[in-house]
PDB file of N, CA and C in Angstrom:
ATOM      1  N   MET A   1      -1.423 -13.704  87.614  1.00  0.00           N
ATOM      2  CA  MET A   1      -1.131 -15.297  87.558  1.00  0.00           C
ATOM      3  C   MET A   1      -0.125 -15.545  86.640  1.00  0.00           C
ATOM      4  N   LEU A   2       0.493 -16.441  86.893  1.00  0.00           N
ATOM      5  CA  LEU A   2       1.961 -16.891  85.863  1.00  0.00           C
ATOM      6  C   LEU A   2       1.299 -17.867  84.680  1.00  0.00           C
ATOM      7  N   PHE A   3       1.678 -17.716  83.524  1.00  0.00           N
ATOM      8  CA  PHE A   3       1.280 -19.119  82.507  1.00  0.00           C
ATOM      9  C   PHE A   3       2.640 -19.216  81.543  1.00  0.00           C
ATOM     10  N   ALA A   4       2.894 -20.381  81.575  1.00  0.00           N
ATOM     11  CA  ALA A   4       4.162 -20.792  80.573  1.00  0.00           C
ATOM     12  C   ALA A   4       3.502 -21.260  79.196  1.00  0.00           C
ATOM     13  N   LEU A   5       4.044 -20.508  78.315  1.00  0.00           N
ATOM     14  CA  LEU A   5       3.789 -20.514  76.933  1.00  0.00           C
ATOM     15  C   LEU A   5       4.970 -21.472  76.226  1.00  0.00           C
ATOM     16  N   LEU A   6       4.689 -22.700  75.825  1.00  0.00           N
ATOM     17  CA  LEU A   6       5.493 -23.704  75.487  1.00  0.00           C
ATOM     18  C   LEU A   6       5.455 -23.717  73.812  1.00  0.00           C
ATOM     19  N   CYS A   7       6.265 -23.063  72.824  1.00  0.00           N
ATOM     20  CA  CYS A   7       6.011 -22.879  71.714  1.00  0.00           C
ATOM     21  C   CYS A   7       7.032 -23.641  70.920  1.00  0.00           C
ATOM     22  N   LYS A   8       6.445 -24.801  70.240  1.00  0.00           N
ATOM     23  CA  LYS A   8       7.525 -25.760  69.169  1.00  0.00           C
ATOM     24  C   LYS A   8       7.593 -25.241  67.857  1.00  0.00           C
ATOM     25  N   ASP A   9       8.831 -24.798  67.142  1.00  0.00           N
ATOM     26  CA  ASP A   9       8.954 -24.523  66.104  1.00  0.00           C
ATOM     27  C   ASP A   9       8.419 -25.547  64.674  1.00  0.00           C
ATOM     28  N   LYS A  10       8.024 -25.118  63.920  1.00  0.00           N
ATOM     29  CA  LYS A  10       7.924 -25.962  62.718  1.00  0.00           C
ATOM     30  C   LYS A  10       9.077 -26.429  62.360  1.00  0.00           C
ATOM     31  N   PRO A  11       9.310 -27.578  61.780  1.00  0.00           N
ATOM     32  CA  PRO A  11      10.805 -28.209  61.174  1.00  0.00           C
ATOM     33  C   PRO A  11      11.201 -27.389  60.030  1.00  0.00           C
ATOM     34  N   GLY A  12      12.421 -27.048  59.973  1.00  0.00           N
ATOM     35  CA  GLY A  12      12.825 -26.584  58.732  1.00  0.00           C
ATOM     36  C   GLY A  12      12.504 -25.005  58.670  1.00  0.00           C
ATOM     37  N   HIS A  13      12.042 -24.248  60.091  1.00  0.00           N
ATOM     38  CA  HIS A  13      11.670 -23.092  60.063  1.00  0.00           C
ATOM     39  C   HIS A  13      12.469 -22.072  60.585  1.00  0.00           C
ATOM     40  N   LEU A  14      13.806 -22.395  60.801  1.00  0.00           N
ATOM     41  CA  LEU A  14      14.838 -21.609  61.458  1.00  0.00           C
ATOM     42  C   LEU A  14      14.833 -20.178  60.939  1.00  0.00           C
ATOM     43  N   ASN A  15      14.903 -20.174  59.255  1.00  0.00           N
ATOM     44  CA  ASN A  15      15.010 -19.000  58.671  1.00  0.00           C
ATOM     45  C   ASN A  15      13.815 -17.916  58.976  1.00  0.00           C
ATOM     46  N   VAL A  16      12.758 -18.567  59.065  1.00  0.00           N
ATOM     47  CA  VAL A  16      11.501 -17.772  60.042  1.00  0.00           C
ATOM     48  C   VAL A  16      11.745 -17.198  61.034  1.00  0.00           C
ATOM     49  N   ARG A  17      12.482 -17.861  62.037  1.00  0.00           N
ATOM     50  CA  ARG A  17      12.488 -17.281  63.343  1.00  0.00           C
ATOM     51  C   ARG A  17      13.892 -16.247  63.419  1.00  0.00           C
ATOM     52  N   MET A  18      14.917 -16.814  62.437  1.00  0.00           N
ATOM     53  CA  MET A  18      15.984 -15.470  62.363  1.00  0.00           C
ATOM     54  C   MET A  18      15.381 -14.031  61.641  1.00  0.00           C
ATOM     55  N   GLU A  19      14.446 -14.060  60.488  1.00  0.00           N
ATOM     56  CA  GLU A  19      14.060 -13.171  59.877  1.00  0.00           C
ATOM     57  C   GLU A  19      12.984 -12.270  61.103  1.00  0.00           C
ATOM     58  N   THR A  20      12.541 -12.950  61.779  1.00  0.00           N
ATOM     59  CA  THR A  20      11.496 -12.181  62.812  1.00  0.00           C
ATOM     60  C   THR A  20      11.879 -11.684  64.102  1.00  0.00           C
ATOM     61  N   ARG A  21      13.141 -12.351  64.307  1.00  0.00           N
ATOM     62  CA  ARG A  21      13.517 -12.151  65.517  1.00  0.00           C
ATOM     63  C   ARG A  21      13.549 -10.701  66.241  1.00  0.00           C
ATOM     64  N   SER A  22      14.054  -9.458  65.219  1.00  0.00           N
ATOM     65  CA  SER A  22      14.165  -8.273  65.782  1.00  0.00           C
ATOM     66  C   SER A  22      12.979  -8.188  66.457  1.00  0.00           C
ATOM     67  N   THR A  23      11.590  -8.240  65.565  1.00  0.00           N
ATOM     68  CA  THR A  23      10.307  -7.652  65.817  1.00  0.00           C
ATOM     69  C   THR A  23       9.944  -8.607  67.111  1.00  0.00           C
ATOM     70  N   HIS A  24       9.995  -9.795  67.313  1.00  0.00           N
ATOM     71  CA  HIS A  24      10.017 -10.286  68.053  1.00  0.00           C
ATOM     72  C   HIS A  24      10.692 -10.037  69.766  1.00  0.00           C
ATOM     73  N   LEU A  25      11.793  -9.644  69.643  1.00  0.00           N
ATOM     74  CA  LEU A  25      12.470  -9.379  70.827  1.00  0.00           C
ATOM     75  C   LEU A  25      11.812  -7.914  70.989  1.00  0.00           C
ATOM     76  N   ASP A  26      11.439  -6.778  70.292  1.00  0.00           N
ATOM     77  CA  ASP A  26      10.706  -5.525  70.623  1.00  0.00           C
ATOM     78  C   ASP A  26       9.468  -5.929  71.163  1.00  0.00           C
ATOM     79  N   TYR A  27       8.929  -7.160  70.525  1.00  0.00           N
ATOM     80  CA  TYR A  27       7.458  -7.081  71.354  1.00  0.00           C
ATOM     81  C   TYR A  27       7.384  -8.205  72.735  1.00  0.00           C
ATOM     82  N   LEU A  28       8.760  -8.630  73.029  1.00  0.00           N
ATOM     83  CA  LEU A  28       9.178  -9.130  74.526  1.00  0.00           C
ATOM     84  C   LEU A  28       9.580  -7.866  75.546  1.00  0.00           C
ATOM     85  N   ASN A  29      10.314  -6.907  74.777  1.00  0.00           N
ATOM     86  CA  ASN A  29      10.524  -5.675  75.184  1.00  0.00           C
ATOM     87  C   ASN A  29       9.539  -5.090  75.968  1.00  0.00           C
ATOM     88  N   LYS A  30       8.317  -4.910  74.637  1.00  0.00           N
ATOM     89  CA  LYS A  30       7.118  -4.161  74.928  1.00  0.00           C
ATOM     90  C   LYS A  30       6.488  -4.892  76.525  1.00  0.00           C
ATOM     91  N   LEU A  31       6.287  -6.354  76.547  1.00  0.00           N
ATOM     92  CA  LEU A  31       5.754  -6.985  77.328  1.00  0.00           C
ATOM     93  C   LEU A  31       6.430  -6.610  78.837  1.00  0.00           C
ATOM     94  N   ASN A  32       7.788  -6.692  78.549  1.00  0.00           N
ATOM     95  CA  ASN A  32       8.186  -6.351  79.850  1.00  0.00           C
ATOM     96  C   ASN A  32       8.246  -5.188  80.235  1.00  0.00           C
ATOM     97  N   ALA A  33       8.255  -3.952  79.542  1.00  0.00           N
ATOM     98  CA  ALA A  33       8.066  -2.790  80.098  1.00  0.00           C
ATOM     99  C   ALA A  33       6.628  -2.613  80.702  1.00  0.00           C
ATOM    100  N   GLU A  34       5.612  -3.455  80.190  1.00  0.00           N
ATOM    101  CA  GLU A  34       3.911  -3.275  80.624  1.00  0.00           C
ATOM    102  C   GLU A  34       4.163  -4.396  81.609  1.00  0.00           C
ATOM    103  N   GLY A  35       4.888  -4.860  82.558  1.00  0.00           N
ATOM    104  CA  GLY A  35       4.849  -5.715  83.489  1.00  0.00           C
ATOM    105  C   GLY A  35       4.497  -7.065  83.416  1.00  0.00           C
ATOM    106  N   LYS A  36       4.508  -7.489  82.034  1.00  0.00           N
ATOM    107  CA  LYS A  36       3.735  -8.873  81.629  1.00  0.00           C
ATOM    108  C   LYS A  36       4.639  -9.879  81.335  1.00  0.00           C
ATOM    109  N   LEU A  37       5.712  -9.693  81.406  1.00  0.00           N
ATOM    110  CA  LEU A  37       6.810 -10.860  80.742  1.00  0.00           C
ATOM    111  C   LEU A  37       7.500 -11.217  82.049  1.00  0.00           C
ATOM    112  N   ALA A  38       7.633 -12.362  82.351  1.00  0.00           N
ATOM    113  CA  ALA A  38       8.554 -12.721  83.523  1.00  0.00           C
ATOM    114  C   ALA A  38       9.734 -13.329  82.872  1.00  0.00           C
ATOM    115  N   MET A  39       9.738 -14.155  82.309  1.00  0.00           N
ATOM    116  CA  MET A  39      11.011 -14.465  81.505  1.00  0.00           C
ATOM    117  C   MET A  39      10.579 -15.170  80.025  1.00  0.00           C
ATOM    118  N   ALA A  40      11.874 -15.377  79.406  1.00  0.00           N
ATOM    119  CA  ALA A  40      11.614 -16.007  78.080  1.00  0.00           C
ATOM    120  C   ALA A  40      12.764 -16.365  77.437  1.00  0.00           C
ATOM    121  N   GLY A  41      12.985 -17.223  76.402  1.00  0.00           N
ATOM    122  CA  GLY A  41      14.240 -17.775  76.117  1.00  0.00           C
ATOM    123  C   GLY A  41      13.769 -19.273  74.950  1.00  0.00           C
ATOM    124  N   PRO A  42      15.042 -19.224  74.106  1.00  0.00           N
ATOM    125  CA  PRO A  42      14.396 -20.068  73.416  1.00  0.00           C
ATOM    126  C   PRO A  42      15.121 -21.877  73.901  1.00  0.00           C
ATOM    127  N   PHE A  43      14.457 -22.784  73.126  1.00  0.00           N
ATOM    128  CA  PHE A  43      14.749 -24.127  73.549  1.00  0.00           C
ATOM    129  C   PHE A  43      15.885 -24.396  72.316  1.00  0.00           C
ATOM    130  N   LEU A  44      16.820 -25.542  72.410  1.00  0.00           N
ATOM    131  CA  LEU A  44      17.798 -25.470  71.618  1.00  0.00           C
ATOM    132  C   LEU A  44      17.821 -27.056  71.164  1.00  0.00           C
ATOM    133  N   ASP A  45      18.116 -27.299  69.728  1.00  0.00           N
ATOM    134  CA  ASP A  45      18.371 -28.825  69.288  1.00  0.00           C
ATOM    135  C   ASP A  45      19.750 -29.028  69.608  1.00  0.00           C
ATOM    136  N   ALA A  46      20.169 -30.426  69.575  1.00  0.00           N
ATOM    137  CA  ALA A  46      21.236 -31.049  69.760  1.00  0.00           C
ATOM    138  C   ALA A  46      22.347 -30.474  69.017  1.00  0.00           C
ATOM    139  N   GLU A  47      22.066 -29.321  68.210  1.00  0.00           N
ATOM    140  CA  GLU A  47      23.323 -28.800  67.525  1.00  0.00           C
ATOM    141  C   GLU A  47      23.315 -27.170  68.442  1.00  0.00           C
ATOM    142  N   GLY A  48      22.646 -27.110  69.232  1.00  0.00           N
ATOM    143  CA  GLY A  48      22.465 -25.874  69.569  1.00  0.00           C
ATOM    144  C   GLY A  48      21.653 -24.597  69.083  1.00  0.00           C
ATOM    145  N   LYS A  49      20.990 -25.044  67.815  1.00  0.00           N
ATOM    146  CA  LYS A  49      20.034 -23.930  67.351  1.00  0.00           C
ATOM    147  C   LYS A  49      18.651 -23.910  67.907  1.00  0.00           C
ATOM    148  N   SER A  50      18.156 -22.841  67.879  1.00  0.00           N
ATOM    149  CA  SER A  50      16.910 -22.627  68.224  1.00  0.00           C
ATOM    150  C   SER A  50      15.945 -23.388  67.613  1.00  0.00           C
ATOM    151  N   ASN A  51      14.983 -24.374  68.280  1.00  0.00           N
ATOM    152  CA  ASN A  51      13.546 -24.722  67.943  1.00  0.00           C
ATOM    153  C   ASN A  51      12.430 -24.697  68.525  1.00  0.00           C
ATOM    154  N   GLY A  52      12.495 -23.594  69.281  1.00  0.00           N
ATOM    155  CA  GLY A  52      11.246 -23.300  70.060  1.00  0.00           C
ATOM    156  C   GLY A  52      11.190 -22.373  71.118  1.00  0.00           C
ATOM    157  N   SER A  53      10.564 -22.038  71.926  1.00  0.00           N
ATOM    158  CA  SER A  53      10.469 -20.916  72.854  1.00  0.00           C
ATOM    159  C   SER A  53       9.866 -21.109  73.876  1.00  0.00           C
ATOM    160  N   LEU A  54      10.449 -20.746  75.303  1.00  0.00           N
ATOM    161  CA  LEU A  54       9.459 -20.810  76.619  1.00  0.00           C
ATOM    162  C   LEU A  54       9.362 -19.307  77.010  1.00  0.00           C
ATOM    163  N   VAL A  55       8.188 -18.804  77.012  1.00  0.00           N
ATOM    164  CA  VAL A  55       7.782 -17.545  77.375  1.00  0.00           C
ATOM    165  C   VAL A  55       6.826 -17.767  78.596  1.00  0.00           C
ATOM    166  N   ILE A  56       7.144 -17.068  79.631  1.00  0.00           N
ATOM    167  CA  ILE A  56       6.400 -16.928  80.857  1.00  0.00           C
ATOM    168  C   ILE A  56       5.696 -15.529  81.199  1.00  0.00           C
ATOM    169  N   VAL A  57       4.403 -15.657  81.292  1.00  0.00           N
ATOM    170  CA  VAL A  57       4.105 -14.073  81.251  1.00  0.00           C
ATOM    171  C   VAL A  57       2.939 -14.212  82.540  1.00  0.00           C
ATOM    172  N   HIS A  58       2.651 -12.701  82.814  1.00  0.00           N
ATOM    173  CA  HIS A  58       1.778 -12.630  83.861  1.00  0.00           C
ATOM    174  C   HIS A  58       0.429 -12.266  82.971  1.00  0.00           C
ATOM    175  N   ALA A  59      -0.589 -13.018  83.638  1.00  0.00           N
ATOM    176  CA  ALA A  59      -1.950 -12.526  82.918  1.00  0.00           C
ATOM    177  C   ALA A  59      -2.859 -12.773  84.167  1.00  0.00           C
ATOM    178  N   GLU A  60      -4.129 -12.178  83.821  1.00  0.00           N
ATOM    179  CA  GLU A  60      -5.475 -12.690  84.595  1.00  0.00           C
ATOM    180  C   GLU A  60      -6.079 -14.047  84.394  1.00  0.00           C
ATOM    181  N   THR A  61      -6.085 -14.403  83.176  1.00  0.00           N
ATOM    182  CA  THR A  61      -6.839 -15.430  82.484  1.00  0.00           C
ATOM    183  C   THR A  61      -6.016 -16.036  81.631  1.00  0.00           C
ATOM    184  N   LEU A  62      -6.552 -17.515  81.295  1.00  0.00           N
ATOM    185  CA  LEU A  62      -5.672 -18.455  80.173  1.00  0.00           C
ATOM    186  C   LEU A  62      -6.091 -17.724  78.875  1.00  0.00           C
ATOM    187  N   GLU A  63      -7.234 -17.064  78.696  1.00  0.00           N
ATOM    188  CA  GLU A  63      -7.501 -16.551  77.542  1.00  0.00           C
ATOM    189  C   GLU A  63      -6.544 -15.242  77.130  1.00  0.00           C
ATOM    190  N   GLU A  64      -6.401 -14.418  78.297  1.00  0.00           N
ATOM    191  CA  GLU A  64      -5.520 -13.269  78.157  1.00  0.00           C
ATOM    192  C   GLU A  64      -3.783 -13.794  77.926  1.00  0.00           C
ATOM    193  N   ALA A  65      -3.092 -14.926  78.443  1.00  0.00           N
ATOM    194  CA  ALA A  65      -2.289 -15.528  78.019  1.00  0.00           C
ATOM    195  C   ALA A  65      -2.186 -16.000  76.749  1.00  0.00           C
ATOM    196  N   ASN A  66      -3.204 -16.842  76.040  1.00  0.00           N
ATOM    197  CA  ASN A  66      -3.363 -17.146  74.919  1.00  0.00           C
ATOM    198  C   ASN A  66      -3.506 -15.709  73.931  1.00  0.00           C
ATOM    199  N   ALA A  67      -3.986 -14.644  74.332  1.00  0.00           N
ATOM    200  CA  ALA A  67      -3.571 -13.773  73.311  1.00  0.00           C
ATOM    201  C   ALA A  67      -2.401 -13.100  73.269  1.00  0.00           C
ATOM    202  N   LEU A  68      -1.792 -13.056  74.541  1.00  0.00           N
ATOM    203  CA  LEU A  68      -0.488 -12.762  74.347  1.00  0.00           C
ATOM    204  C   LEU A  68       0.540 -13.356  73.414  1.00  0.00           C
ATOM    205  N   GLY A  69       0.281 -14.787  73.472  1.00  0.00           N
ATOM    206  CA  GLY A  69       0.972 -15.569  72.712  1.00  0.00           C
ATOM    207  C   GLY A  69       0.899 -15.602  71.220  1.00  0.00           C
ATOM    208  N   ALA A  70      -0.433 -15.374  70.925  1.00  0.00           N
ATOM    209  CA  ALA A  70      -0.930 -15.114  69.557  1.00  0.00           C
ATOM    210  C   ALA A  70      -0.416 -13.798  68.924  1.00  0.00           C
ATOM    211  N   ALA A  71      -0.187 -12.898  69.625  1.00  0.00           N
ATOM    212  CA  ALA A  71       0.076 -11.815  69.329  1.00  0.00           C
ATOM    213  C   ALA A  71       1.536 -11.438  69.006  1.00  0.00           C
ATOM    214  N   ASP A  72       2.416 -12.612  69.500  1.00  0.00           N
ATOM    215  CA  ASP A  72       4.076 -12.562  69.415  1.00  0.00           C
ATOM    216  C   ASP A  72       4.371 -12.718  67.638  1.00  0.00           C
ATOM    217  N   PRO A  73       5.012 -11.539  66.988  1.00  0.00           N
ATOM    218  CA  PRO A  73       5.257 -11.765  65.784  1.00  0.00           C
ATOM    219  C   PRO A  73       6.199 -12.921  65.188  1.00  0.00           C
ATOM    220  N   TYR A  74       6.598 -14.248  66.126  1.00  0.00           N
ATOM    221  CA  TYR A  74       6.763 -15.486  65.736  1.00  0.00           C
ATOM    222  C   TYR A  74       5.650 -16.119  65.533  1.00  0.00           C
ATOM    223  N   ALA A  75       4.611 -15.941  66.170  1.00  0.00           N
ATOM    224  CA  ALA A  75       3.376 -16.856  65.960  1.00  0.00           C
ATOM    225  C   ALA A  75       2.758 -15.962  64.917  1.00  0.00           C
ATOM    226  N   LEU A  76       2.791 -14.984  64.632  1.00  0.00           N
ATOM    227  CA  LEU A  76       2.099 -14.231  63.321  1.00  0.00           C
ATOM    228  C   LEU A  76       2.654 -14.566  62.295  1.00  0.00           C
ATOM    229  N   ALA A  77       4.004 -14.779  62.343  1.00  0.00           N
ATOM    230  CA  ALA A  77       4.976 -15.186  60.865  1.00  0.00           C
ATOM    231  C   ALA A  77       4.674 -16.790  60.814  1.00  0.00           C
ATOM    232  N   GLY A  78       3.794 -17.461  61.478  1.00  0.00           N
ATOM    233  CA  GLY A  78       3.841 -18.837  61.223  1.00  0.00           C
ATOM    234  C   GLY A  78       4.884 -19.785  61.563  1.00  0.00           C
ATOM    235  N   LEU A  79       5.706 -19.364  62.801  1.00  0.00           N
ATOM    236  CA  LEU A  79       6.943 -20.311  63.066  1.00  0.00           C
ATOM    237  C   LEU A  79       6.638 -21.573  63.917  1.00  0.00           C
ATOM    238  N   PHE A  80       5.625 -21.355  64.716  1.00  0.00           N
ATOM    239  CA  PHE A  80       5.079 -22.477  65.649  1.00  0.00           C
ATOM    240  C   PHE A  80       4.141 -23.435  64.776  1.00  0.00           C
ATOM    241  N   GLU A  81       4.919 -24.629  65.210  1.00  0.00           N
ATOM    242  CA  GLU A  81       3.903 -25.866  64.763  1.00  0.00           C
ATOM    243  C   GLU A  81       2.870 -26.236  65.911  1.00  0.00           C
ATOM    244  N   ASN A  82       3.133 -25.655  67.330  1.00  0.00           N
ATOM    245  CA  ASN A  82       1.901 -25.843  68.142  1.00  0.00           C
ATOM    246  C   ASN A  82       2.505 -24.847  69.458  1.00  0.00           C
ATOM    247  N   VAL A  83       1.849 -24.276  70.109  1.00  0.00           N
ATOM    248  CA  VAL A  83       1.716 -23.701  71.380  1.00  0.00           C
ATOM    249  C   VAL A  83       0.844 -24.134  72.386  1.00  0.00           C
ATOM    250  N   GLU A  84       1.367 -24.449  73.461  1.00  0.00           N
ATOM    251  CA  GLU A  84       0.695 -25.099  74.755  1.00  0.00           C
ATOM    252  C   GLU A  84       0.910 -23.993  75.874  1.00  0.00           C
ATOM    253  N   VAL A  85      -0.369 -23.706  76.320  1.00  0.00           N
ATOM    254  CA  VAL A  85      -0.451 -22.455  77.596  1.00  0.00           C
ATOM    255  C   VAL A  85      -0.899 -23.432  78.646  1.00  0.00           C
ATOM    256  N   LYS A  86       0.138 -23.078  79.662  1.00  0.00           N
ATOM    257  CA  LYS A  86      -0.271 -24.013  80.878  1.00  0.00           C
ATOM    258  C   LYS A  86      -0.204 -22.742  82.241  1.00  0.00           C
ATOM    259  N   PRO A  87      -0.734 -22.950  83.145  1.00  0.00           N
ATOM    260  CA  PRO A  87      -0.569 -22.095  84.462  1.00  0.00           C
ATOM    261  C   PRO A  87       0.538 -22.536  85.067  1.00  0.00           C
ATOM    262  N   PHE A  88       1.296 -21.587  85.563  1.00  0.00           N
ATOM    263  CA  PHE A  88       2.871 -21.925  85.975  1.00  0.00           C
ATOM    264  C   PHE A  88       3.145 -21.479  87.622  1.00  0.00           C
ATOM    265  N   ASN A  89       3.673 -22.248  88.095  1.00  0.00           N
ATOM    266  CA  ASN A  89       3.962 -21.910  89.580  1.00  0.00           C
ATOM    267  C   ASN A  89       5.541 -21.731  89.684  1.00  0.00           C
ATOM    268  N   TRP A  90       6.206 -20.726  89.920  1.00  0.00           N
ATOM    269  CA  TRP A  90       7.330 -20.360  89.943  1.00  0.00           C
ATOM    270  C   TRP A  90       7.762 -20.834  91.560  1.00  0.00           C
ATOM    271  N   VAL A  91       8.357 -21.804  91.636  1.00  0.00           N
ATOM    272  CA  VAL A  91       8.571 -22.100  93.176  1.00  0.00           C
ATOM    273  C   VAL A  91      10.464 -21.780  93.773  1.00  0.00           C
ATOM    274  N   PHE A  92      10.858 -22.293  92.581  1.00  0.00           N
ATOM    275  CA  PHE A  92      12.543 -22.000  93.024  1.00  0.00           C
ATOM    276  C   PHE A  92      13.182 -20.977  92.263  1.00  0.00           C
ATOM    277  N   ASN A  93      14.262 -20.398  92.896  1.00  0.00           N
ATOM    278  CA  ASN A  93      14.952 -19.136  92.211  1.00  0.00           C
ATOM    279  C   ASN A  93      14.095 -18.399  91.285  1.00  0.00           C
ATOM    280  N   LYS A  94      13.207 -17.759  92.200  1.00  0.00           N
ATOM    281  CA  LYS A  94      12.083 -16.881  91.600  1.00  0.00           C
ATOM    282  C   LYS A  94      12.961 -15.432  91.973  1.00  0.00           C
ATOM    283  N   PRO A  95      12.699 -14.752  91.147  1.00  0.00           N
ATOM    284  CA  PRO A  95      13.420 -13.209  91.355  1.00  0.00           C
ATOM    285  C   PRO A  95      12.541 -12.739  92.635  1.00  0.00           C
ATOM    286  N   GLU A  96      13.156 -12.030  93.322  1.00  0.00           N
ATOM    287  CA  GLU A  96      12.178 -11.155  94.269  1.00  0.00           C
ATOM    288  C   GLU A  96      11.729  -9.958  93.616  1.00  0.00           C
ATOM    289  N   ALA A  97      10.508  -9.687  94.016  1.00  0.00           N
ATOM    290  CA  ALA A  97       9.591  -8.261  93.347  1.00  0.00           C
ATOM    291  C   ALA A  97      10.326  -7.202  93.992  1.00  0.00           C
TER     292      ALA A  97
END
């Protein structure tokens, strides 16, 4: 099952995002290699600067999806103001397996 992790950065924490970016990307690459990552990318503010993340993962349960989000280096660094995890149904433009 797919789950969308909607992550909102804390205001004024762009420096935390930039300092943690390489370990965050390593984590996403690991999830991708394990077949757990469907897609990911940052949300942008009006100036084009990252201010959150959308991460869509394959997980069996909501608890597993929450655990994947909690293990993200961005989350561990305290970047996020909040994270909302929701079941996701990819309907349009879904890549074929």
